[in-house]
Protein backbone atom coordinates (compact mmCIF):
# COMPACT_ATOMS: atom_id res chain seq x y z
CA MET A 1 -17.17 -5.31 -46.71
CA ALA A 2 -14.28 -4.08 -49.00
CA LYS A 3 -12.42 -6.74 -51.02
CA GLU A 4 -8.73 -7.28 -50.28
CA SER A 5 -6.71 -5.44 -52.51
CA SER A 6 -4.44 -7.23 -54.94
CA MET A 7 -2.80 -4.13 -56.59
CA THR A 8 0.86 -3.52 -56.15
CA MET A 9 1.91 0.13 -55.92
CA GLY A 10 5.65 -0.49 -55.85
CA GLY A 11 8.31 -1.70 -53.83
CA ASN A 12 9.80 -5.21 -53.36
CA MET A 13 7.02 -7.55 -52.65
CA SER A 14 9.11 -10.89 -51.82
CA LYS A 15 10.95 -8.56 -49.38
CA GLU A 16 7.66 -7.31 -48.03
CA MET A 17 6.07 -10.75 -47.51
CA GLY A 18 9.45 -11.96 -46.00
CA MET A 19 9.33 -9.29 -43.42
CA SER A 20 5.67 -9.58 -42.86
CA GLN A 21 6.01 -13.08 -41.90
CA SER A 22 7.45 -12.24 -38.56
CA MET A 23 4.03 -10.52 -37.74
CA GLY A 24 1.79 -12.70 -35.29
CA MET A 25 5.19 -14.61 -33.36
CA SER A 26 6.09 -13.13 -30.12
CA ASN A 27 9.81 -12.34 -29.31
CA GLY A 28 9.01 -14.49 -26.45
CA ARG A 29 9.79 -12.03 -23.79
CA GLY A 30 6.20 -10.26 -23.29
CA GLY A 31 6.03 -6.89 -21.57
CA HIS A 32 3.68 -4.57 -20.07
CA LEU A 33 0.53 -2.74 -21.16
CA TYR A 34 -1.32 0.40 -19.71
CA MET A 35 -4.81 2.14 -19.95
CA GLN A 36 -6.24 5.07 -18.31
CA THR A 37 -9.90 4.13 -16.95
CA ASN A 38 -10.87 7.87 -17.43
CA GLU A 39 -13.34 7.41 -14.75
CA THR A 40 -14.33 10.57 -12.65
CA ARG A 41 -11.83 8.72 -10.02
CA ASN A 42 -8.99 8.00 -12.69
CA ALA A 43 -6.43 5.27 -12.76
CA VAL A 44 -3.97 3.63 -15.03
CA VAL A 45 -4.62 -0.09 -15.18
CA HIS A 46 -1.27 -2.08 -15.40
CA TYR A 47 -1.50 -5.49 -17.19
CA HIS A 48 1.33 -7.93 -17.63
CA ARG A 49 1.49 -9.01 -21.44
CA GLY A 50 2.50 -12.75 -21.81
CA ALA A 51 4.73 -13.91 -24.67
CA ASP A 52 1.54 -15.41 -26.26
CA GLY A 53 -0.45 -12.20 -26.02
CA LYS A 54 -2.48 -12.69 -23.16
CA ILE A 55 -2.93 -9.90 -20.58
CA THR A 56 -3.43 -10.17 -17.00
CA GLU A 57 -4.24 -7.08 -14.76
CA VAL A 58 -1.73 -6.44 -12.29
CA ASP A 59 -3.06 -3.52 -10.39
CA ARG A 60 -4.82 -0.20 -10.82
CA VAL A 61 -3.12 3.02 -9.64
CA SER A 62 -4.90 6.27 -9.06
CA THR A 63 -3.85 9.04 -11.02
CA GLY A 64 -4.84 11.73 -8.26
CA GLY A 65 -7.09 13.46 -10.84
CA ALA A 66 -10.53 12.96 -12.39
CA GLY A 67 -11.29 11.57 -15.94
CA SER A 68 -14.48 12.46 -17.81
CA GLY A 69 -16.04 9.37 -17.26
CA THR A 70 -18.87 8.36 -19.46
CA PHE A 71 -19.73 11.86 -20.49
CA LYS A 72 -18.57 13.23 -23.66
CA PRO A 73 -18.10 16.86 -23.73
CA ILE A 74 -17.61 17.17 -27.53
CA SER A 75 -21.18 15.56 -28.25
CA GLY A 76 -23.01 16.60 -24.98
CA GLN A 77 -23.66 12.86 -24.25
CA GLU A 78 -24.30 11.85 -20.79
CA SER A 79 -22.83 8.46 -21.76
CA ALA A 80 -20.94 7.29 -24.65
CA PRO A 81 -17.68 5.61 -25.48
CA ASN A 82 -14.67 8.03 -26.54
CA ALA A 83 -15.43 9.27 -29.86
CA PHE A 84 -13.76 12.59 -30.99
CA GLU A 85 -12.10 13.86 -28.15
CA GLY A 86 -8.53 12.86 -28.53
CA ALA A 87 -5.59 10.18 -28.88
CA GLY A 88 -2.29 9.41 -27.03
CA SER A 89 -3.59 10.28 -23.56
CA VAL A 90 -1.36 7.79 -22.37
CA ILE A 91 2.33 7.81 -23.08
CA LEU A 92 5.63 6.61 -22.09
CA SER A 93 9.13 8.45 -22.17
CA PRO A 94 11.50 7.01 -24.69
CA ASP A 95 13.66 5.74 -21.78
CA ARG A 96 10.71 3.92 -20.26
CA ARG A 97 11.39 5.61 -16.88
CA PHE A 98 8.26 7.55 -16.64
CA LEU A 99 4.49 7.16 -17.78
CA PHE A 100 2.23 10.28 -18.20
CA THR A 101 -1.35 10.56 -18.63
CA THR A 102 -4.00 13.16 -18.97
CA ASN A 103 -6.84 13.47 -16.45
CA GLY A 104 -9.78 14.90 -18.81
CA GLY A 105 -12.20 15.42 -16.17
CA ASP A 106 -10.21 18.09 -14.11
CA ASN A 107 -7.38 19.16 -16.85
CA SER A 108 -4.64 18.01 -15.13
CA VAL A 109 -1.78 15.54 -16.02
CA SER A 110 0.01 12.70 -13.75
CA SER A 111 3.52 11.35 -14.04
CA PHE A 112 4.25 8.04 -12.76
CA ALA A 113 7.71 6.35 -12.20
CA VAL A 114 8.06 2.84 -14.02
CA ALA A 115 9.94 0.05 -12.44
CA GLU A 116 11.73 -2.57 -13.88
CA ASP A 117 8.95 -5.08 -13.39
CA GLY A 118 6.48 -2.42 -14.95
CA ARG A 119 4.79 -1.36 -11.74
CA LEU A 120 4.01 2.30 -11.47
CA THR A 121 4.21 4.76 -8.64
CA LEU A 122 2.50 8.07 -8.88
CA VAL A 123 5.13 11.09 -8.86
CA ASP A 124 3.17 14.03 -9.53
CA ARG A 125 0.19 15.55 -10.74
CA LYS A 126 -0.38 19.08 -12.04
CA LEU A 127 -3.26 21.32 -13.34
CA THR A 128 -2.74 22.34 -17.08
CA GLY A 129 -4.18 25.81 -16.14
CA ASN A 130 -7.20 25.38 -18.46
CA PRO A 131 -10.39 25.63 -17.02
CA VAL A 132 -13.05 23.18 -16.53
CA ASP A 133 -15.92 23.47 -18.98
CA GLY A 134 -19.07 22.36 -17.49
CA LYS A 135 -19.22 18.85 -16.30
CA SER A 136 -15.57 18.09 -17.97
CA GLY A 137 -12.19 19.39 -18.86
CA THR A 138 -10.60 18.02 -22.23
CA ALA A 139 -7.01 17.53 -21.71
CA LYS A 140 -6.84 14.52 -24.10
CA SER A 141 -3.41 14.25 -25.71
CA LEU A 142 0.24 14.12 -25.02
CA ALA A 143 3.73 14.37 -26.70
CA PHE A 144 6.77 14.51 -24.67
CA ALA A 145 10.10 16.16 -25.80
CA ALA A 146 12.56 14.09 -23.65
CA SER A 147 15.63 16.33 -24.82
CA LYS A 148 14.08 19.21 -23.42
CA GLY A 149 12.14 17.92 -20.65
CA MET A 150 8.86 19.23 -22.07
CA LEU A 151 5.40 17.65 -21.96
CA TYR A 152 2.78 19.32 -24.45
CA VAL A 153 -0.81 18.74 -23.46
CA LEU A 154 -3.69 19.10 -26.02
CA HIS A 155 -7.06 19.99 -25.12
CA SER A 156 -10.19 19.52 -27.18
CA PHE A 157 -11.61 22.81 -26.23
CA GLY A 158 -9.74 26.14 -26.56
CA PRO A 159 -8.75 28.78 -27.08
CA ASP A 160 -5.70 27.55 -25.11
CA HIS A 161 -5.52 24.10 -26.69
CA LEU A 162 -2.00 23.64 -26.09
CA ARG A 163 -0.12 24.06 -22.51
CA LEU A 164 3.22 23.26 -21.36
CA ILE A 165 4.29 21.31 -18.51
CA SER A 166 8.33 20.88 -17.74
CA VAL A 167 9.37 17.52 -16.40
CA ASP A 168 12.60 17.16 -14.36
CA SER A 169 15.00 14.19 -14.09
CA GLU A 170 12.68 12.61 -11.21
CA GLY A 171 9.47 13.15 -13.01
CA GLU A 172 7.95 16.25 -11.23
CA LEU A 173 6.04 18.38 -13.05
CA THR A 174 5.76 22.30 -13.42
CA PRO A 175 3.38 24.00 -15.48
CA GLN A 176 4.74 26.69 -18.16
CA PRO A 177 3.18 29.85 -19.02
CA GLY A 178 2.97 29.29 -22.64
CA ARG A 179 -0.30 28.79 -24.47
CA TYR A 180 -1.22 28.04 -28.05
CA THR A 181 -4.29 27.59 -30.15
CA ALA A 182 -5.68 25.77 -33.09
CA ASN A 183 -8.03 28.34 -33.72
CA THR A 184 -7.94 30.70 -36.93
CA PRO A 185 -9.60 34.20 -36.76
CA ASP A 186 -12.77 32.77 -38.41
CA LYS A 187 -12.71 29.63 -36.60
CA THR A 188 -12.87 30.31 -33.06
CA ASP A 189 -14.17 26.95 -31.28
CA ARG A 190 -12.05 24.12 -33.15
CA VAL A 191 -11.55 20.77 -31.68
CA PRO A 192 -8.12 19.42 -32.04
CA THR A 193 -7.53 15.83 -31.57
CA MET A 194 -3.83 14.94 -30.97
CA ALA A 195 -0.35 16.30 -30.77
CA VAL A 196 2.66 14.31 -32.13
CA LEU A 197 6.19 15.31 -32.21
CA SER A 198 8.39 14.95 -35.23
CA PRO A 199 11.06 12.32 -34.86
CA ASP A 200 13.70 14.99 -35.00
CA GLY A 201 11.81 16.92 -32.58
CA ARG A 202 11.69 20.19 -34.73
CA PHE A 203 8.02 20.19 -35.12
CA LEU A 204 4.91 19.54 -33.31
CA LEU A 205 1.93 18.41 -35.32
CA VAL A 206 -1.69 18.82 -34.44
CA GLY A 207 -4.66 17.06 -35.76
CA THR A 208 -8.01 18.32 -35.91
CA THR A 209 -11.88 16.93 -36.25
CA PHE A 210 -14.43 19.81 -36.00
CA ASP A 211 -14.35 23.65 -36.52
CA ARG A 212 -16.75 23.48 -33.68
CA PRO A 213 -18.06 21.00 -31.16
CA ILE A 214 -21.00 18.98 -32.30
CA ALA A 215 -22.46 19.68 -28.94
CA HIS A 216 -23.06 23.25 -30.21
CA THR A 217 -24.62 22.47 -33.24
CA GLY A 218 -27.64 20.77 -32.06
CA THR A 219 -29.29 17.26 -32.93
CA TYR A 220 -32.11 16.19 -35.41
CA PRO A 221 -35.21 14.57 -34.23
CA ASP A 222 -33.55 11.03 -34.15
CA GLY A 223 -30.76 12.48 -31.98
CA SER A 224 -28.12 12.35 -34.61
CA PRO A 225 -25.98 15.45 -34.41
CA ILE A 226 -26.16 18.35 -37.10
CA LEU A 227 -22.86 18.43 -39.03
CA TRP A 228 -24.04 21.26 -41.17
CA VAL A 229 -24.37 24.94 -39.82
CA PRO A 230 -25.96 27.94 -41.42
CA GLU A 231 -23.81 30.94 -42.58
CA SER A 232 -24.92 34.69 -42.74
CA ASP A 233 -25.33 34.32 -46.39
CA GLY A 234 -28.18 31.43 -45.90
CA THR A 235 -25.61 28.73 -47.19
CA TYR A 236 -24.82 25.97 -45.06
CA ARG A 237 -21.22 24.96 -44.01
CA VAL A 238 -19.98 21.21 -42.91
CA ILE A 239 -17.97 21.72 -39.44
CA ALA A 240 -15.77 18.87 -40.21
CA SER A 241 -12.18 20.43 -40.21
CA ASN A 242 -10.36 20.75 -43.52
CA ALA A 243 -13.61 20.39 -45.28
CA PRO A 244 -13.71 22.46 -47.22
CA ASP A 245 -11.11 24.83 -45.84
CA PRO A 246 -7.30 23.66 -46.44
CA ASP A 247 -6.46 24.20 -42.90
CA GLY A 248 -6.98 21.30 -40.66
CA LEU A 249 -3.37 20.15 -39.91
CA ILE A 250 -1.46 22.56 -38.01
CA VAL A 251 2.35 22.66 -37.35
CA PHE A 252 4.27 24.37 -34.66
CA PRO A 253 7.99 24.75 -34.80
CA VAL A 254 9.62 23.86 -31.66
CA ARG A 255 12.37 26.17 -30.09
CA ASP A 256 15.36 25.33 -28.35
CA ASP A 257 13.83 26.03 -24.97
CA GLY A 258 10.77 23.42 -25.71
CA THR A 259 8.29 26.32 -26.29
CA LEU A 260 6.55 26.69 -29.78
CA GLY A 261 6.62 29.25 -32.47
CA ALA A 262 3.98 30.51 -34.67
CA ALA A 263 1.45 27.92 -36.14
CA ARG A 264 1.18 27.17 -39.69
CA PHE A 265 -1.89 25.69 -41.09
CA HIS A 266 -2.07 23.19 -43.91
CA ASP A 267 -4.15 21.26 -46.24
CA ALA A 268 -4.64 17.55 -44.94
CA LYS A 269 -6.20 16.71 -48.37
CA GLY A 270 -9.16 15.11 -46.39
CA GLY A 271 -12.13 15.71 -43.83
CA SER A 272 -11.25 15.83 -40.01
CA PRO A 273 -7.20 14.67 -40.06
CA PHE A 274 -7.81 13.02 -36.73
CA TYR A 275 -4.61 10.81 -36.10
CA LEU A 276 -0.79 11.22 -37.13
CA ALA A 277 1.73 8.45 -36.88
CA PHE A 278 5.19 8.62 -37.92
CA LEU A 279 6.83 5.78 -39.53
CA LYS A 280 10.28 4.43 -37.77
CA SER A 281 12.29 3.75 -40.82
CA ARG A 282 11.31 7.02 -42.61
CA PRO A 283 11.07 9.88 -39.96
CA ASP A 284 9.79 12.61 -42.55
CA THR A 285 7.07 10.19 -43.43
CA PHE A 286 3.63 9.99 -41.53
CA VAL A 287 0.29 8.41 -41.76
CA ILE A 288 -3.02 10.59 -41.50
CA GLY A 289 -6.28 8.88 -40.46
CA TYR A 290 -9.27 10.64 -41.49
CA ALA A 291 -12.46 10.40 -39.25
CA VAL A 292 -14.69 12.02 -41.94
CA GLY A 293 -12.41 11.48 -44.76
CA ASP A 294 -13.01 7.50 -44.36
CA GLY A 295 -9.56 6.56 -45.02
CA CYS A 296 -5.63 7.16 -44.69
CA ALA A 297 -3.02 8.88 -46.57
CA LEU A 298 0.87 9.02 -46.16
CA ALA A 299 2.39 12.54 -45.82
CA THR A 300 5.89 14.09 -45.53
CA ILE A 301 7.48 17.00 -43.69
CA ASP A 302 10.47 18.66 -44.90
CA GLY A 303 13.17 20.49 -43.01
CA ASP A 304 11.06 23.93 -42.92
CA GLY A 305 7.91 22.28 -41.80
CA LYS A 306 6.19 22.46 -45.11
CA ILE A 307 3.61 19.24 -45.53
CA ASN A 308 3.03 17.31 -48.64
CA VAL A 309 0.07 14.91 -48.63
CA GLY A 310 -0.37 11.73 -50.88
CA PRO A 311 -3.67 10.37 -52.23
CA LEU A 312 -6.32 9.43 -49.73
CA VAL A 313 -7.08 5.75 -49.83
CA LYS A 314 -10.50 5.08 -48.53
CA ILE A 315 -12.13 2.16 -47.02
CA ASP A 316 -15.42 0.53 -47.99
CA THR A 317 -17.92 2.96 -46.44
CA SER A 318 -21.25 0.96 -47.54
CA ALA A 319 -22.01 0.67 -43.77
CA GLY A 320 -22.80 4.50 -43.85
CA LEU A 321 -20.77 7.73 -43.94
CA PRO A 322 -18.56 8.66 -41.89
CA SER A 323 -16.81 5.53 -40.63
CA GLU A 324 -15.18 7.61 -37.98
CA LEU A 325 -11.65 6.21 -38.83
CA CYS A 326 -10.06 7.86 -35.54
CA TRP A 327 -6.97 5.55 -34.38
CA LEU A 328 -4.14 4.01 -36.05
CA GLY A 329 -1.46 1.61 -35.20
CA VAL A 330 1.55 1.24 -37.18
CA SER A 331 3.71 -1.96 -37.41
CA PRO A 332 7.22 -1.57 -36.14
CA ASP A 333 8.35 -2.61 -39.75
CA ASP A 334 6.36 0.07 -41.21
CA ARG A 335 4.61 -2.48 -43.28
CA PHE A 336 1.08 -2.15 -42.00
CA VAL A 337 -1.31 0.54 -40.73
CA PHE A 338 -4.33 -0.70 -38.44
CA ALA A 339 -7.06 1.77 -38.67
CA THR A 340 -9.75 1.80 -35.89
CA ASN A 341 -13.17 2.65 -37.38
CA PHE A 342 -15.31 3.94 -34.34
CA GLY A 343 -18.33 4.20 -36.39
CA TYR A 344 -18.03 0.45 -37.76
CA SER A 345 -16.66 -1.44 -34.55
CA TYR A 346 -13.94 -3.13 -36.39
CA ILE A 347 -10.37 -2.44 -37.49
CA THR A 348 -9.28 -1.96 -41.08
CA SER A 349 -5.57 -2.86 -42.20
CA TYR A 350 -3.48 -1.16 -44.70
CA ARG A 351 -0.27 -2.09 -46.36
CA ILE A 352 2.51 0.40 -46.73
CA ASN A 353 4.46 -0.45 -50.20
CA GLY A 354 7.21 1.27 -51.79
CA LYS A 355 5.05 4.17 -52.87
CA GLY A 356 2.15 4.33 -50.71
CA LEU A 357 -0.91 2.92 -49.23
CA GLU A 358 -3.26 0.11 -50.25
CA ILE A 359 -6.11 -1.73 -48.65
CA ALA A 360 -4.72 -5.14 -46.90
CA LYS A 361 -8.02 -6.39 -45.18
CA ASP A 362 -11.02 -4.47 -44.82
CA PRO A 363 -12.34 -5.69 -42.10
CA ALA A 364 -9.21 -7.08 -40.57
CA CYS A 365 -11.11 -8.56 -37.77
CA PRO A 366 -14.69 -9.31 -36.85
CA LYS A 367 -17.06 -6.40 -35.99
CA ILE A 368 -17.49 -6.39 -32.11
CA PRO A 369 -20.77 -5.59 -30.83
CA GLY A 370 -21.59 -3.29 -28.06
CA ASP A 371 -24.68 -3.23 -25.73
CA GLY A 372 -26.92 -1.43 -28.33
CA THR A 373 -27.04 1.99 -26.73
CA ALA A 374 -24.24 3.73 -28.54
CA ARG A 375 -24.32 5.24 -32.25
CA GLY A 376 -21.92 6.36 -34.75
CA LEU A 377 -22.27 9.67 -36.69
CA ASN A 378 -23.76 7.63 -39.35
CA THR A 379 -26.40 6.25 -36.87
CA THR A 380 -25.14 2.76 -36.89
CA VAL A 381 -24.81 0.96 -33.64
CA THR A 382 -21.39 0.67 -32.37
CA SER A 383 -19.24 -0.68 -29.67
CA GLY A 384 -17.17 2.35 -29.77
CA PRO A 385 -13.45 1.17 -30.43
CA ALA A 386 -10.88 3.81 -29.52
CA ASP A 387 -7.34 3.85 -28.86
CA ASN A 388 -5.06 0.78 -29.96
CA TRP A 389 -1.57 -0.07 -29.63
CA VAL A 390 0.90 -2.40 -31.54
CA THR A 391 3.68 -4.32 -29.55
CA PRO A 392 7.27 -3.38 -30.16
CA ASP A 393 7.82 -6.82 -32.01
CA GLY A 394 4.65 -6.30 -34.20
CA ALA A 395 3.22 -9.56 -33.00
CA PHE A 396 -0.02 -8.28 -31.35
CA LEU A 397 -2.35 -5.29 -31.47
CA TYR A 398 -4.72 -4.45 -28.40
CA GLN A 399 -7.96 -2.61 -28.90
CA ILE A 400 -10.33 -0.54 -26.53
CA TYR A 401 -13.91 -1.27 -27.09
CA GLY A 402 -15.62 0.97 -24.61
CA ASN A 403 -19.36 0.34 -25.05
CA ALA A 404 -18.76 -3.60 -24.94
CA ALA A 405 -16.57 -2.84 -21.88
CA LYS A 406 -13.79 -4.99 -23.53
CA LEU A 407 -10.10 -4.70 -24.13
CA LEU A 408 -9.21 -7.03 -26.50
CA GLY A 409 -5.71 -8.52 -27.87
CA TYR A 410 -5.12 -9.65 -31.66
CA ALA A 411 -2.17 -11.59 -32.93
CA THR A 412 -1.26 -9.92 -35.92
CA GLN A 413 -1.27 -12.29 -39.38
CA PRO A 414 0.83 -11.76 -42.40
CA ASP A 415 -1.93 -10.67 -44.42
CA GLY A 416 -2.96 -7.81 -42.29
CA SER A 417 -5.77 -9.74 -40.64
CA LEU A 418 -6.33 -10.15 -36.80
CA LYS A 419 -6.95 -13.26 -34.71
CA GLU A 420 -7.97 -12.61 -31.38
CA VAL A 421 -6.15 -14.09 -28.54
CA THR A 422 -7.08 -12.43 -25.09
CA SER A 423 -9.76 -10.39 -23.53
CA ALA A 424 -10.09 -8.39 -20.47
CA GLN A 425 -13.16 -6.83 -18.92
CA ILE A 426 -12.78 -2.77 -18.59
CA PRO A 427 -15.05 0.11 -17.14
CA TYR A 428 -18.03 0.92 -19.34
CA ASN A 429 -17.69 3.46 -22.05
CA SER A 430 -15.17 5.61 -20.34
CA PRO A 431 -11.64 4.14 -20.97
CA GLN A 432 -9.03 5.84 -23.34
CA GLY A 433 -5.19 5.65 -24.00
CA LEU A 434 -2.97 2.81 -24.60
CA ALA A 435 0.80 2.58 -24.15
CA GLY A 436 3.38 -0.15 -23.50
CA PHE A 437 6.45 -2.26 -24.01
């Protein structure tokens, strides 16, 4: 495993340590946590979150739509935990009045009213307009522009990767005619992963993972996917996005009416820029998590939508390549990034200092075993950790382990490590999406 970094890359370390000491201690109020089961009869699970970080299931509320279940359309697997399909499938409106979730099985979106006690009431469900491909649809990521009343729904399969749905003051949904693609003229089968709005609402950023789904490329005799495909000139090309072509990070300008302008394709400086997370104190700065690049980088976006990406800081990959570093949680004080490694079954933490990123703890928590049936792209047995979520006070992090059928809660520690404090049984392989307050 990687060694804890002792390198200081800038910034006031005494101030940093002072702020970090608050991590691992609750604000004393607790709150609520939500996860979609993603079962073929999809539901949102509502947990009460105690001041000590422990979670208790309150209820399960039907979305009225279909999840993708245990089937994974990107890889063509009949039963496996969520790997490359997306992030941000469950989100809350900034005022916490509404919760939105995708239904990846039938390409629909559901809206819920959120009561003061955290309970959910289904308000509406609407189809995105994209067809269901084979056994499942792939509506997998949401972003919400509250000032424009517009939801952006990202699908893993295109060509119409992005569809728009307007939201009125009561949470009613109305599909809009706009449709947008992450494809390029020579990449007509791309797999985007998540959509996120810049804090000023001027740009919608889209991450990607493959230039064509691995289900379309076949497998080796041992069942592992083929990540290199032949070209017409007899050479082979890796299908991981942004490797080698510098076009894996996509930026759409957001118009005044919530529709999108023409896409601009940017170099993310690493393979498969899966997850994008903006910092709270620096609204022009975001973290990129790379599924095939095996690390994270800090990037900035300027007022014209131009992207500048800093150096990629890799984790220890001695367990095999790639690590499938696919989900990120950023502490509310912008001091730590918690990176979920799907292939390794654990979380790595980074420290954000004055100038960039450095490894804090790798791993930050013990490896969580699955049932032995799931393997990552590097062929290691995995428990399939997917979405994570950090509480608003930074005291706790919650992590889905689909193949272990567990949702774990950790207390964050000042050094970036994680201490398990709670566990809940969840459906096998299918769950995804975490949001809360």
